Amino acid sequence: MDLRQLKYFVRIVELGGLSAAAQSLHVAQPSLSQHVANLEAELGLPLLERGARGARPTPAGRRLYEQAKALLRQAGDIPALVRQEGGDVAGHVRLGLPASTSRRVAVPLLRALRLAHPGVTLEIVEGSTAYIAEMLQRHLLDLGVAVHPGDDARLDVHPLVTEELMLVGPPGEAAPGPVEVAELAALPLLLPAFPNAIRVRIEQLCNAAGLRYRLVAESAAAQVMVAAAQAGIAWTILPWSAFEHEDPASLSWRPIAGRAFTRTLAVCGSRAASGQPAGEAVRRQLQAVVAAMLAEGGWPQAELPVRR
């Protein structure tokens, strides 16, 4: 097994067939098929399911794809790391961001990196915090912003920002002041599915009060949650950053009474990859960008996490 074989296999999976991959790689299709056959023989497992519509990975092929993708990304950074001069950082970094966070920090982060580390190429991947955590565990991201995972031996964790979570609903329907748990539980709610941190918090909050909440739908997509609230279908729980750009007249929102109802986001990376200069540069710049926003009041309903 060599890097060329892995590169060929990754391209086949990403393009969904040998013919498209052969054209992309400028390699004869029979040669590509032989590379796959050699991989399958070496591993003793089928890696692709071939059909009229192309080829897709088997479960073993999916595992190989994920590992190969991470390995090829690391190998691609080697020339830049070797050639870098005068301590300048270089390399490619894949960063996962929740959509609401990306909307706020992506452009300032790109600007800061261009000034401080022009040799670093940043790839931004958007998704839910649960999706980003999964991608980190599968080594498909170098860094990701996700809900603070606590003590996870697999991850290098750096707290980034703590956001207040609020009840969000249809326009003109919010009473003044914080919403009590009993009132919240009586409302039709659209919440993310387990094990999302917001869903877990609502479950814990209602259980402690001896209440059952009214779940009418599930989604972790902030756009869906906001749209459902605007349409009067359900109420939901979101940080300010997820709906701050909406027309204020299209929504109602209230804080949740009692103990502070918040989520802490952290910059997470694999411990195995920690210490990589490009990744460390991106993490430091992201933390600096967020800290500056908070200091200038540019991130409402948020604060720096309490250091423990």
C-alpha atoms as a PDB file:
ATOM      1  CA  MET A   1       0.000   0.000   0.000  1.00  0.00           C
ATOM      2  CA  ASP A   2       1.376   3.420  -0.963  1.00  0.00           C
ATOM      3  CA  LEU A   3       0.190   7.012  -1.092  1.00  0.00           C
ATOM      4  CA  ARG A   4      -0.593   6.817  -4.802  1.00  0.00           C
ATOM      5  CA  GLN A   5      -2.966   3.902  -4.275  1.00  0.00           C
ATOM      6  CA  LEU A   6      -4.644   5.758  -1.430  1.00  0.00           C
ATOM      7  CA  LYS A   7      -4.971   8.908  -3.554  1.00  0.00           C
ATOM      8  CA  TYR A   8      -6.602   6.898  -6.336  1.00  0.00           C
ATOM      9  CA  PHE A   9      -9.000   5.211  -3.929  1.00  0.00           C
ATOM     10  CA  VAL A  10      -9.993   8.520  -2.306  1.00  0.00           C
ATOM     11  CA  ARG A  11     -10.744  10.061  -5.713  1.00  0.00           C
ATOM     12  CA  ILE A  12     -12.908   7.074  -6.708  1.00  0.00           C
ATOM     13  CA  VAL A  13     -14.974   7.427  -3.533  1.00  0.00           C
ATOM     14  CA  GLU A  14     -15.327  11.201  -3.898  1.00  0.00           C
ATOM     15  CA  LEU A  15     -16.345  11.066  -7.567  1.00  0.00           C
ATOM     16  CA  GLY A  16     -18.527   7.979  -7.189  1.00  0.00           C
ATOM     17  CA  GLY A  17     -17.001   5.799  -9.880  1.00  0.00           C
ATOM     18  CA  LEU A  18     -13.883   4.543 -11.605  1.00  0.00           C
ATOM     19  CA  SER A  19     -14.605   6.233 -14.934  1.00  0.00           C
ATOM     20  CA  ALA A  20     -14.927   9.726 -13.447  1.00  0.00           C
ATOM     21  CA  ALA A  21     -11.877   9.158 -11.231  1.00  0.00           C
ATOM     22  CA  ALA A  22      -9.810   7.925 -14.172  1.00  0.00           C
ATOM     23  CA  GLN A  23     -10.628  11.094 -16.127  1.00  0.00           C
ATOM     24  CA  SER A  24      -9.841  13.316 -13.150  1.00  0.00           C
ATOM     25  CA  LEU A  25      -6.532  11.572 -12.435  1.00  0.00           C
ATOM     26  CA  HIS A  26      -5.566  11.138 -16.119  1.00  0.00           C
ATOM     27  CA  VAL A  27      -5.097   7.416 -15.495  1.00  0.00           C
ATOM     28  CA  ALA A  28      -6.414   4.548 -17.621  1.00  0.00           C
ATOM     29  CA  GLN A  29      -9.474   2.950 -16.033  1.00  0.00           C
ATOM     30  CA  PRO A  30      -8.051  -0.619 -16.170  1.00  0.00           C
ATOM     31  CA  SER A  31      -4.990   0.613 -14.268  1.00  0.00           C
ATOM     32  CA  LEU A  32      -7.230   2.208 -11.650  1.00  0.00           C
ATOM     33  CA  SER A  33      -9.219  -1.013 -11.302  1.00  0.00           C
ATOM     34  CA  GLN A  34      -5.990  -2.921 -10.762  1.00  0.00           C
ATOM     35  CA  HIS A  35      -4.929  -0.553  -7.981  1.00  0.00           C
ATOM     36  CA  VAL A  36      -8.245  -1.156  -6.222  1.00  0.00           C
ATOM     37  CA  ALA A  37      -7.908  -4.914  -6.701  1.00  0.00           C
ATOM     38  CA  ASN A  38      -4.410  -4.780  -5.193  1.00  0.00           C
ATOM     39  CA  LEU A  39      -5.711  -2.868  -2.166  1.00  0.00           C
ATOM     40  CA  GLU A  40      -8.559  -5.335  -1.681  1.00  0.00           C
ATOM     41  CA  ALA A  41      -6.171  -8.265  -1.954  1.00  0.00           C
ATOM     42  CA  GLU A  42      -3.772  -6.707   0.552  1.00  0.00           C
ATOM     43  CA  LEU A  43      -6.508  -5.934   3.074  1.00  0.00           C
ATOM     44  CA  GLY A  44      -8.527  -9.078   2.436  1.00  0.00           C
ATOM     45  CA  LEU A  45     -11.806  -7.158   2.209  1.00  0.00           C
ATOM     46  CA  PRO A  46     -13.995  -5.722  -0.571  1.00  0.00           C
ATOM     47  CA  LEU A  47     -13.639  -1.939  -0.606  1.00  0.00           C
ATOM     48  CA  LEU A  48     -16.083  -0.911  -3.336  1.00  0.00           C
ATOM     49  CA  GLU A  49     -19.587  -1.927  -4.361  1.00  0.00           C
ATOM     50  CA  ARG A  50     -19.854  -1.529  -8.142  1.00  0.00           C
ATOM     51  CA  GLY A  51     -23.149  -0.968  -9.894  1.00  0.00           C
ATOM     52  CA  ALA A  52     -24.804   0.631 -12.908  1.00  0.00           C
ATOM     53  CA  ARG A  53     -24.609   4.041 -11.264  1.00  0.00           C
ATOM     54  CA  GLY A  54     -20.945   3.828 -10.344  1.00  0.00           C
ATOM     55  CA  ALA A  55     -19.096   2.661  -7.245  1.00  0.00           C
ATOM     56  CA  ARG A  56     -19.574   3.342  -3.571  1.00  0.00           C
ATOM     57  CA  PRO A  57     -17.471   2.271  -0.594  1.00  0.00           C
ATOM     58  CA  THR A  58     -18.299  -0.741   1.537  1.00  0.00           C
ATOM     59  CA  PRO A  59     -18.114  -0.227   5.327  1.00  0.00           C
ATOM     60  CA  ALA A  60     -14.447  -1.254   5.147  1.00  0.00           C
ATOM     61  CA  GLY A  61     -13.951   1.084   2.198  1.00  0.00           C
ATOM     62  CA  ARG A  62     -15.475   3.967   4.158  1.00  0.00           C
ATOM     63  CA  ARG A  63     -13.037   3.360   7.019  1.00  0.00           C
ATOM     64  CA  LEU A  64     -10.134   3.247   4.576  1.00  0.00           C
ATOM     65  CA  TYR A  65     -11.343   6.458   2.930  1.00  0.00           C
ATOM     66  CA  GLU A  66     -11.428   8.333   6.231  1.00  0.00           C
ATOM     67  CA  GLN A  67      -7.957   7.197   7.263  1.00  0.00           C
ATOM     68  CA  ALA A  68      -6.516   7.763   3.795  1.00  0.00           C
ATOM     69  CA  LYS A  69      -7.986  11.264   3.605  1.00  0.00           C
ATOM     70  CA  ALA A  70      -6.319  12.237   6.886  1.00  0.00           C
ATOM     71  CA  LEU A  71      -3.006  10.661   5.872  1.00  0.00           C
ATOM     72  CA  LEU A  72      -2.962  12.347   2.457  1.00  0.00           C
ATOM     73  CA  ARG A  73      -3.727  15.691   4.061  1.00  0.00           C
ATOM     74  CA  GLN A  74      -0.773  15.296   6.410  1.00  0.00           C
ATOM     75  CA  ALA A  75       1.483  14.160   3.571  1.00  0.00           C
ATOM     76  CA  GLY A  76       0.456  17.181   1.519  1.00  0.00           C
ATOM     77  CA  ASP A  77       1.672  19.501   4.285  1.00  0.00           C
ATOM     78  CA  ILE A  78       5.195  18.049   4.314  1.00  0.00           C
ATOM     79  CA  PRO A  79       6.674  20.110   1.426  1.00  0.00           C
ATOM     80  CA  ALA A  80       5.407  23.385   2.900  1.00  0.00           C
ATOM     81  CA  LEU A  81       6.712  22.471   6.345  1.00  0.00           C
ATOM     82  CA  VAL A  82      10.145  21.546   4.963  1.00  0.00           C
ATOM     83  CA  ARG A  83      10.426  24.669   2.798  1.00  0.00           C
ATOM     84  CA  GLN A  84       9.236  27.180   5.363  1.00  0.00           C
ATOM     85  CA  GLU A  85      11.876  29.784   6.161  1.00  0.00           C
ATOM     86  CA  GLY A  86      12.483  32.148   9.028  1.00  0.00           C
ATOM     87  CA  GLY A  87       9.967  30.404  11.255  1.00  0.00           C
ATOM     88  CA  ASP A  88       7.031  31.249   8.945  1.00  0.00           C
ATOM     89  CA  VAL A  89       4.189  28.772   9.462  1.00  0.00           C
ATOM     90  CA  ALA A  90       2.784  26.979   6.418  1.00  0.00           C
ATOM     91  CA  GLY A  91       0.305  24.210   5.726  1.00  0.00           C
ATOM     92  CA  HIS A  92      -3.331  23.324   5.120  1.00  0.00           C
ATOM     93  CA  VAL A  93      -5.796  23.314   8.035  1.00  0.00           C
ATOM     94  CA  ARG A  94      -9.348  21.979   7.919  1.00  0.00           C
ATOM     95  CA  LEU A  95     -11.520  23.784  10.484  1.00  0.00           C
ATOM     96  CA  GLY A  96     -15.107  22.871  11.364  1.00  0.00           C
ATOM     97  CA  LEU A  97     -17.433  25.691  12.451  1.00  0.00           C
ATOM     98  CA  PRO A  98     -21.118  25.764  13.441  1.00  0.00           C
ATOM     99  CA  ALA A  99     -23.038  27.922  10.941  1.00  0.00           C
ATOM    100  CA  SER A 100     -23.869  30.651  13.480  1.00  0.00           C
ATOM    101  CA  THR A 101     -20.241  30.839  14.635  1.00  0.00           C
ATOM    102  CA  SER A 102     -18.912  30.771  11.079  1.00  0.00           C
ATOM    103  CA  ARG A 103     -21.103  33.712  10.107  1.00  0.00           C
ATOM    104  CA  ARG A 104     -19.505  35.731  12.895  1.00  0.00           C
ATOM    105  CA  VAL A 105     -15.827  34.702  12.896  1.00  0.00           C
ATOM    106  CA  ALA A 106     -14.929  33.270   9.464  1.00  0.00           C
ATOM    107  CA  VAL A 107     -14.069  36.536   7.688  1.00  0.00           C
ATOM    108  CA  PRO A 108     -12.152  38.114  10.630  1.00  0.00           C
ATOM    109  CA  LEU A 109     -10.247  34.832  11.051  1.00  0.00           C
ATOM    110  CA  LEU A 110      -9.328  34.668   7.353  1.00  0.00           C
ATOM    111  CA  ARG A 111      -8.198  38.297   7.490  1.00  0.00           C
ATOM    112  CA  ALA A 112      -6.072  37.698  10.588  1.00  0.00           C
ATOM    113  CA  LEU A 113      -4.444  34.609   9.074  1.00  0.00           C
ATOM    114  CA  ARG A 114      -3.622  36.408   5.819  1.00  0.00           C
ATOM    115  CA  LEU A 115      -1.781  39.068   7.813  1.00  0.00           C
ATOM    116  CA  ALA A 116      -0.057  36.859  10.389  1.00  0.00           C
ATOM    117  CA  HIS A 117       0.474  33.561   8.526  1.00  0.00           C
ATOM    118  CA  PRO A 118       0.068  33.919   4.732  1.00  0.00           C
ATOM    119  CA  GLY A 119       1.518  30.430   4.235  1.00  0.00           C
ATOM    120  CA  VAL A 120      -1.444  28.795   5.998  1.00  0.00           C
ATOM    121  CA  THR A 121      -4.349  27.704   3.806  1.00  0.00           C
ATOM    122  CA  LEU A 122      -7.589  27.435   5.773  1.00  0.00           C
ATOM    123  CA  GLU A 123     -10.464  25.207   4.690  1.00  0.00           C
ATOM    124  CA  ILE A 124     -13.713  25.947   6.559  1.00  0.00           C
ATOM    125  CA  VAL A 125     -16.332  23.215   6.917  1.00  0.00           C
ATOM    126  CA  GLU A 126     -19.758  24.160   8.309  1.00  0.00           C
ATOM    127  CA  GLY A 127     -22.013  21.829  10.270  1.00  0.00           C
ATOM    128  CA  SER A 128     -23.787  21.277  13.556  1.00  0.00           C
ATOM    129  CA  THR A 129     -21.654  20.986  16.675  1.00  0.00           C
ATOM    130  CA  ALA A 130     -22.527  17.265  16.860  1.00  0.00           C
ATOM    131  CA  TYR A 131     -21.411  16.763  13.242  1.00  0.00           C
ATOM    132  CA  ILE A 132     -18.167  18.626  13.891  1.00  0.00           C
ATOM    133  CA  ALA A 133     -17.454  16.504  16.982  1.00  0.00           C
ATOM    134  CA  GLU A 134     -18.019  13.354  14.941  1.00  0.00           C
ATOM    135  CA  MET A 135     -15.725  14.597  12.158  1.00  0.00           C
ATOM    136  CA  LEU A 136     -13.011  15.312  14.715  1.00  0.00           C
ATOM    137  CA  GLN A 137     -13.269  11.811  16.145  1.00  0.00           C
ATOM    138  CA  ARG A 138     -12.991  10.368  12.628  1.00  0.00           C
ATOM    139  CA  HIS A 139      -9.883  12.510  11.928  1.00  0.00           C
ATOM    140  CA  LEU A 140     -11.605  14.311   9.039  1.00  0.00           C
ATOM    141  CA  LEU A 141     -10.957  17.724  10.593  1.00  0.00           C
ATOM    142  CA  ASP A 142      -7.778  19.211  12.033  1.00  0.00           C
ATOM    143  CA  LEU A 143      -9.697  21.549  14.345  1.00  0.00           C
ATOM    144  CA  GLY A 144     -13.337  22.102  15.149  1.00  0.00           C
ATOM    145  CA  VAL A 145     -15.498  24.394  17.241  1.00  0.00           C
ATOM    146  CA  ALA A 146     -17.939  22.245  19.181  1.00  0.00           C
ATOM    147  CA  VAL A 147     -19.765  22.199  22.485  1.00  0.00           C
ATOM    148  CA  HIS A 148     -17.129  21.727  25.190  1.00  0.00           C
ATOM    149  CA  PRO A 149     -16.689  17.940  25.453  1.00  0.00           C
ATOM    150  CA  GLY A 150     -15.410  17.954  29.037  1.00  0.00           C
ATOM    151  CA  ASP A 151     -12.530  15.636  29.826  1.00  0.00           C
ATOM    152  CA  ASP A 152     -11.967  13.726  26.589  1.00  0.00           C
ATOM    153  CA  ALA A 153      -8.581  12.014  26.415  1.00  0.00           C
ATOM    154  CA  ARG A 154      -8.783  11.888  22.616  1.00  0.00           C
ATOM    155  CA  LEU A 155      -9.051  15.659  22.155  1.00  0.00           C
ATOM    156  CA  ASP A 156      -6.985  18.733  22.869  1.00  0.00           C
ATOM    157  CA  VAL A 157      -9.641  21.197  24.138  1.00  0.00           C
ATOM    158  CA  HIS A 158      -9.420  24.997  24.455  1.00  0.00           C
ATOM    159  CA  PRO A 159     -12.547  26.844  25.725  1.00  0.00           C
ATOM    160  CA  LEU A 160     -13.535  29.612  23.301  1.00  0.00           C
ATOM    161  CA  VAL A 161     -16.815  31.344  24.201  1.00  0.00           C
ATOM    162  CA  THR A 162     -19.829  30.892  26.467  1.00  0.00           C
ATOM    163  CA  GLU A 163     -23.187  31.847  24.928  1.00  0.00           C
ATOM    164  CA  GLU A 164     -26.526  32.347  26.661  1.00  0.00           C
ATOM    165  CA  LEU A 165     -29.320  30.131  25.307  1.00  0.00           C
ATOM    166  CA  MET A 166     -32.754  31.662  24.886  1.00  0.00           C
ATOM    167  CA  LEU A 167     -36.295  30.569  24.155  1.00  0.00           C
ATOM    168  CA  VAL A 168     -37.172  31.681  20.623  1.00  0.00           C
ATOM    169  CA  GLY A 169     -40.684  31.702  19.182  1.00  0.00           C
ATOM    170  CA  PRO A 170     -43.263  33.384  16.951  1.00  0.00           C
ATOM    171  CA  PRO A 171     -43.388  37.185  16.749  1.00  0.00           C
ATOM    172  CA  GLY A 172     -45.394  39.093  19.296  1.00  0.00           C
ATOM    173  CA  GLU A 173     -45.970  36.147  21.633  1.00  0.00           C
ATOM    174  CA  ALA A 174     -43.241  36.578  24.234  1.00  0.00           C
ATOM    175  CA  ALA A 175     -44.246  37.814  27.673  1.00  0.00           C
ATOM    176  CA  PRO A 176     -41.793  40.149  29.425  1.00  0.00           C
ATOM    177  CA  GLY A 177     -39.090  38.703  31.629  1.00  0.00           C
ATOM    178  CA  PRO A 178     -37.467  35.269  31.832  1.00  0.00           C
ATOM    179  CA  VAL A 179     -39.564  32.187  31.027  1.00  0.00           C
ATOM    180  CA  GLU A 180     -40.144  29.768  33.918  1.00  0.00           C
ATOM    181  CA  VAL A 181     -39.590  26.033  33.427  1.00  0.00           C
ATOM    182  CA  ALA A 182     -43.286  25.163  33.780  1.00  0.00           C
ATOM    183  CA  GLU A 183     -44.219  27.659  31.042  1.00  0.00           C
ATOM    184  CA  LEU A 184     -41.432  26.413  28.773  1.00  0.00           C
ATOM    185  CA  ALA A 185     -42.476  22.766  29.185  1.00  0.00           C
ATOM    186  CA  ALA A 186     -46.058  23.608  28.144  1.00  0.00           C
ATOM    187  CA  LEU A 187     -45.001  25.116  24.806  1.00  0.00           C
ATOM    188  CA  PRO A 188     -44.687  23.116  21.548  1.00  0.00           C
ATOM    189  CA  LEU A 189     -40.910  22.674  21.160  1.00  0.00           C
ATOM    190  CA  LEU A 190     -38.621  21.926  18.231  1.00  0.00           C
ATOM    191  CA  LEU A 191     -35.312  20.657  19.634  1.00  0.00           C
ATOM    192  CA  PRO A 192     -32.209  18.869  18.359  1.00  0.00           C
ATOM    193  CA  ALA A 193     -32.178  15.085  18.751  1.00  0.00           C
ATOM    194  CA  PHE A 194     -30.090  13.418  21.439  1.00  0.00           C
ATOM    195  CA  PRO A 195     -27.195  13.607  22.265  1.00  0.00           C
ATOM    196  CA  ASN A 196     -27.199  17.321  21.364  1.00  0.00           C
ATOM    197  CA  ALA A 197     -26.139  19.422  24.379  1.00  0.00           C
ATOM    198  CA  ILE A 198     -29.158  21.751  24.192  1.00  0.00           C
ATOM    199  CA  ARG A 199     -31.560  18.803  24.173  1.00  0.00           C
ATOM    200  CA  VAL A 200     -29.779  17.226  27.133  1.00  0.00           C
ATOM    201  CA  ARG A 201     -29.993  20.508  29.081  1.00  0.00           C
ATOM    202  CA  ILE A 202     -33.753  20.823  28.461  1.00  0.00           C
ATOM    203  CA  GLU A 203     -34.259  17.215  29.519  1.00  0.00           C
ATOM    204  CA  GLN A 204     -32.309  17.798  32.729  1.00  0.00           C
ATOM    205  CA  LEU A 205     -34.099  21.084  33.454  1.00  0.00           C
ATOM    206  CA  CYS A 206     -37.571  19.564  33.090  1.00  0.00           C
ATOM    207  CA  ASN A 207     -36.693  16.352  34.919  1.00  0.00           C
ATOM    208  CA  ALA A 208     -35.435  18.365  37.899  1.00  0.00           C
ATOM    209  CA  ALA A 209     -38.803  20.156  38.008  1.00  0.00           C
ATOM    210  CA  GLY A 210     -40.776  16.929  37.590  1.00  0.00           C
ATOM    211  CA  LEU A 211     -42.144  18.074  34.221  1.00  0.00           C
ATOM    212  CA  ARG A 212     -42.443  16.625  30.716  1.00  0.00           C
ATOM    213  CA  TYR A 213     -41.948  18.950  27.776  1.00  0.00           C
ATOM    214  CA  ARG A 214     -43.966  18.966  24.530  1.00  0.00           C
ATOM    215  CA  LEU A 215     -41.713  17.885  21.657  1.00  0.00           C
ATOM    216  CA  VAL A 216     -43.310  18.405  18.227  1.00  0.00           C
ATOM    217  CA  ALA A 217     -40.273  18.019  15.963  1.00  0.00           C
ATOM    218  CA  GLU A 218     -36.496  17.517  15.972  1.00  0.00           C
ATOM    219  CA  SER A 219     -33.761  19.354  14.073  1.00  0.00           C
ATOM    220  CA  ALA A 220     -30.260  20.612  14.785  1.00  0.00           C
ATOM    221  CA  ALA A 221     -30.273  22.953  11.771  1.00  0.00           C
ATOM    222  CA  ALA A 222     -30.416  26.529  13.061  1.00  0.00           C
ATOM    223  CA  GLN A 223     -32.106  27.735   9.856  1.00  0.00           C
ATOM    224  CA  VAL A 224     -34.908  25.181  10.272  1.00  0.00           C
ATOM    225  CA  MET A 225     -35.306  26.014  13.962  1.00  0.00           C
ATOM    226  CA  VAL A 226     -35.532  29.755  13.275  1.00  0.00           C
ATOM    227  CA  ALA A 227     -37.933  29.288  10.346  1.00  0.00           C
ATOM    228  CA  ALA A 228     -40.228  27.043  12.398  1.00  0.00           C
ATOM    229  CA  ALA A 229     -40.361  29.678  15.133  1.00  0.00           C
ATOM    230  CA  GLN A 230     -41.072  32.458  12.651  1.00  0.00           C
ATOM    231  CA  ALA A 231     -43.885  30.380  11.118  1.00  0.00           C
ATOM    232  CA  GLY A 232     -45.508  29.793  14.497  1.00  0.00           C
ATOM    233  CA  ILE A 233     -44.993  26.015  14.314  1.00  0.00           C
ATOM    234  CA  ALA A 234     -42.911  25.653  17.454  1.00  0.00           C
ATOM    235  CA  TRP A 235     -40.653  27.335  19.963  1.00  0.00           C
ATOM    236  CA  THR A 236     -36.996  26.432  20.163  1.00  0.00           C
ATOM    237  CA  ILE A 237     -33.790  27.048  22.140  1.00  0.00           C
ATOM    238  CA  LEU A 238     -30.958  28.902  20.431  1.00  0.00           C
ATOM    239  CA  PRO A 239     -27.993  31.178  21.183  1.00  0.00           C
ATOM    240  CA  TRP A 240     -28.322  34.800  20.126  1.00  0.00           C
ATOM    241  CA  SER A 241     -25.766  34.309  17.351  1.00  0.00           C
ATOM    242  CA  ALA A 242     -28.116  31.896  15.555  1.00  0.00           C
ATOM    243  CA  PHE A 243     -30.871  34.466  14.993  1.00  0.00           C
ATOM    244  CA  GLU A 244     -29.335  37.918  15.490  1.00  0.00           C
ATOM    245  CA  HIS A 245     -29.452  38.684  11.747  1.00  0.00           C
ATOM    246  CA  GLU A 246     -33.178  37.972  11.481  1.00  0.00           C
ATOM    247  CA  ASP A 247     -35.766  40.754  11.354  1.00  0.00           C
ATOM    248  CA  PRO A 248     -36.505  41.518  15.042  1.00  0.00           C
ATOM    249  CA  ALA A 249     -40.214  41.762  14.171  1.00  0.00           C
ATOM    250  CA  SER A 250     -40.217  38.172  12.889  1.00  0.00           C
ATOM    251  CA  LEU A 251     -39.375  36.515  16.234  1.00  0.00           C
ATOM    252  CA  SER A 252     -39.865  36.659  19.992  1.00  0.00           C
ATOM    253  CA  TRP A 253     -37.197  35.648  22.476  1.00  0.00           C
ATOM    254  CA  ARG A 254     -36.842  35.375  26.237  1.00  0.00           C
ATOM    255  CA  PRO A 255     -34.096  34.266  28.609  1.00  0.00           C
ATOM    256  CA  ILE A 256     -34.707  31.143  30.677  1.00  0.00           C
ATOM    257  CA  ALA A 257     -35.265  31.696  34.387  1.00  0.00           C
ATOM    258  CA  GLY A 258     -33.095  30.272  37.131  1.00  0.00           C
ATOM    259  CA  ARG A 259     -29.522  29.139  36.827  1.00  0.00           C
ATOM    260  CA  ALA A 260     -27.703  30.561  33.780  1.00  0.00           C
ATOM    261  CA  PHE A 261     -28.708  28.557  30.709  1.00  0.00           C
ATOM    262  CA  THR A 262     -25.599  28.603  28.544  1.00  0.00           C
ATOM    263  CA  ARG A 263     -23.382  26.557  26.272  1.00  0.00           C
ATOM    264  CA  THR A 264     -19.604  26.761  26.082  1.00  0.00           C
ATOM    265  CA  LEU A 265     -17.953  26.286  22.719  1.00  0.00           C
ATOM    266  CA  ALA A 266     -14.371  25.066  22.544  1.00  0.00           C
ATOM    267  CA  VAL A 267     -11.718  24.734  19.859  1.00  0.00           C
ATOM    268  CA  CYS A 268     -10.996  21.012  19.712  1.00  0.00           C
ATOM    269  CA  GLY A 269      -8.348  19.026  17.912  1.00  0.00           C
ATOM    270  CA  SER A 270      -7.010  15.503  17.934  1.00  0.00           C
ATOM    271  CA  ARG A 271      -4.293  14.972  20.546  1.00  0.00           C
ATOM    272  CA  ALA A 272      -2.413  12.944  17.940  1.00  0.00           C
ATOM    273  CA  ALA A 273      -2.204  16.026  15.696  1.00  0.00           C
ATOM    274  CA  SER A 274      -1.671  18.629  18.428  1.00  0.00           C
ATOM    275  CA  GLY A 275       1.455  20.711  18.103  1.00  0.00           C
ATOM    276  CA  GLN A 276       1.270  20.981  14.310  1.00  0.00           C
ATOM    277  CA  PRO A 277       2.455  24.560  13.607  1.00  0.00           C
ATOM    278  CA  ALA A 278      -0.287  25.444  11.097  1.00  0.00           C
ATOM    279  CA  GLY A 279      -3.051  24.078  13.316  1.00  0.00           C
ATOM    280  CA  GLU A 280      -1.675  25.859  16.369  1.00  0.00           C
ATOM    281  CA  ALA A 281      -1.502  29.111  14.399  1.00  0.00           C
ATOM    282  CA  VAL A 282      -5.163  28.821  13.367  1.00  0.00           C
ATOM    283  CA  ARG A 283      -6.261  28.003  16.930  1.00  0.00           C
ATOM    284  CA  ARG A 284      -4.405  30.985  18.401  1.00  0.00           C
ATOM    285  CA  GLN A 285      -5.752  33.368  15.772  1.00  0.00           C
ATOM    286  CA  LEU A 286      -9.313  32.108  16.288  1.00  0.00           C
ATOM    287  CA  GLN A 287      -9.067  32.595  20.045  1.00  0.00           C
ATOM    288  CA  ALA A 288      -7.643  36.100  19.543  1.00  0.00           C
ATOM    289  CA  VAL A 289     -10.423  37.048  17.097  1.00  0.00           C
ATOM    290  CA  VAL A 290     -13.144  35.861  19.482  1.00  0.00           C
ATOM    291  CA  ALA A 291     -11.533  37.534  22.509  1.00  0.00           C
ATOM    292  CA  ALA A 292     -11.330  40.853  20.614  1.00  0.00           C
ATOM    293  CA  MET A 293     -14.999  40.605  19.602  1.00  0.00           C
ATOM    294  CA  LEU A 294     -16.084  39.981  23.162  1.00  0.00           C
ATOM    295  CA  ALA A 295     -13.935  42.828  24.503  1.00  0.00           C
ATOM    296  CA  GLU A 296     -15.462  45.231  21.962  1.00  0.00           C
ATOM    297  CA  GLY A 297     -19.040  44.089  22.619  1.00  0.00           C
ATOM    298  CA  GLY A 298     -19.302  42.563  19.165  1.00  0.00           C
ATOM    299  CA  TRP A 299     -20.789  39.268  20.338  1.00  0.00           C
ATOM    300  CA  PRO A 300     -24.002  39.959  22.307  1.00  0.00           C
ATOM    301  CA  GLN A 301     -25.129  37.566  25.042  1.00  0.00           C
ATOM    302  CA  ALA A 302     -21.692  35.919  25.168  1.00  0.00           C
ATOM    303  CA  GLU A 303     -18.553  36.052  27.311  1.00  0.00           C
ATOM    304  CA  LEU A 304     -15.174  34.438  27.721  1.00  0.00           C
ATOM    305  CA  PRO A 305     -15.475  31.058  29.475  1.00  0.00           C
ATOM    306  CA  VAL A 306     -14.658  30.925  33.172  1.00  0.00           C
ATOM    307  CA  ARG A 307     -11.226  29.394  33.626  1.00  0.00           C
ATOM    308  CA  ARG A 308     -11.239  26.421  36.001  1.00  0.00           C
END
